[in-house]
Protein backbone atom coordinates (compact mmCIF):
# COMPACT_ATOMS: atom_id res chain seq x y z
CA MET A 1 -82.24 54.97 37.84
CA ASN A 2 -82.02 58.32 39.94
CA ASP A 3 -82.87 61.04 36.60
CA SER A 4 -85.08 58.24 35.11
CA LYS A 5 -87.31 58.30 38.57
CA GLY A 6 -86.92 62.52 38.53
CA TYR A 7 -87.64 62.67 34.81
CA TRP A 8 -90.95 60.53 35.26
CA ALA A 9 -92.15 62.28 38.23
CA ALA A 10 -91.73 65.41 36.63
CA THR A 11 -93.60 63.82 33.49
CA LEU A 12 -96.13 62.32 35.64
CA SER A 13 -97.26 65.52 37.60
CA LEU A 14 -97.54 67.49 34.43
CA LEU A 15 -99.78 64.93 33.27
CA THR A 16 -101.79 64.90 36.53
CA ARG A 17 -101.94 68.96 36.18
CA ILE A 18 -103.54 69.15 32.59
CA LEU A 19 -105.76 66.29 33.03
CA ILE A 20 -107.43 68.22 35.96
CA VAL A 21 -107.27 70.71 34.02
CA TRP A 22 -108.97 68.87 31.08
CA PHE A 23 -111.50 67.14 33.17
CA LEU A 24 -112.54 71.00 34.95
CA ALA A 25 -112.96 72.29 31.22
CA SER A 26 -114.74 69.80 29.99
CA TYR A 27 -116.61 67.83 32.31
CA GLY A 28 -116.72 70.42 35.10
CA ALA A 29 -117.76 73.61 32.77
CA GLY A 30 -119.83 71.63 30.50
CA ILE A 31 -121.36 70.17 32.73
CA LEU A 32 -121.12 70.46 36.21
CA PHE A 33 -120.91 73.54 36.95
CA ALA A 34 -122.94 74.97 33.89
CA PRO A 35 -126.25 76.23 36.12
CA ALA A 36 -123.98 78.55 37.53
CA LEU A 37 -122.33 79.48 34.50
CA ASN A 38 -125.09 79.95 32.54
CA THR A 39 -126.14 82.97 35.01
CA ILE A 40 -123.32 84.93 32.56
CA HIS A 41 -123.86 85.44 28.72
CA LEU A 42 -120.74 84.99 26.53
CA GLY A 43 -121.62 86.59 22.91
CA GLY A 44 -125.25 86.02 23.26
CA TYR A 45 -125.40 82.58 24.92
CA PRO A 46 -125.07 80.62 28.31
CA LEU A 47 -121.33 80.49 29.31
CA GLY A 48 -122.02 76.87 30.48
CA PHE A 49 -123.23 76.38 26.75
CA TRP A 50 -120.83 77.64 25.48
CA PHE A 51 -118.14 76.16 27.75
CA ALA A 52 -120.02 73.39 26.74
CA GLN A 53 -119.26 74.18 22.77
CA GLN A 54 -116.31 75.91 22.04
CA GLY A 55 -114.44 76.71 25.01
CA SER A 56 -113.74 73.57 25.78
CA ILE A 57 -111.74 73.50 22.15
CA TYR A 58 -110.14 76.40 23.14
CA VAL A 59 -109.11 75.00 26.20
CA PHE A 60 -107.05 71.78 25.01
CA LEU A 61 -105.54 73.36 22.16
CA ILE A 62 -104.21 75.99 25.22
CA LEU A 63 -103.03 72.77 26.77
CA ILE A 64 -102.35 71.47 24.01
CA TYR A 65 -99.56 73.78 23.82
CA TYR A 66 -98.63 74.13 26.93
CA TYR A 67 -97.70 70.26 27.17
CA VAL A 68 -95.23 70.42 24.88
CA LYS A 69 -93.88 73.56 26.33
CA LYS A 70 -93.30 71.97 29.55
CA MET A 71 -91.89 68.69 28.14
CA GLY A 72 -89.31 70.00 26.01
CA GLU A 73 -88.19 71.86 29.55
CA ILE A 74 -88.21 68.39 31.48
CA ASP A 75 -86.52 66.88 28.63
CA ARG A 76 -83.59 69.53 28.47
CA ALA A 77 -83.57 69.44 32.18
CA PHE A 78 -82.90 65.73 32.58
CA GLY A 79 -80.73 65.74 28.95
CA VAL A 80 -82.96 64.24 27.00
CA SER A 81 -83.83 65.95 24.06
CA ASP A 82 -83.43 65.41 20.98
CA GLU A 83 -82.00 69.13 20.08
C-alpha cells in the first residue's frame, strides 16, 4: 500500500509540472504574455504570435517526450514497468 501511494504521488507530481508548463506555453505565452513577447521578433514575426501559432505545438511535443521518459523512470523505480 505504501508503494502505491508513492507511485501515485510521483505520477501526480509529474502531471502537475507538465500541466503548469503546458498552461504557460499555450495560454501564458500565447495570450497573457503576448504583448511583452511581441517586442521580440522570430523569423520576422512577433514572438507572442509565434508561440500562439507554432511554439506551443513544439512545447507540447517536447512535453509528450518528457512524460514518456519520466513515466518510464517512475515505473521502473516502483517495479511496475512492462520491460
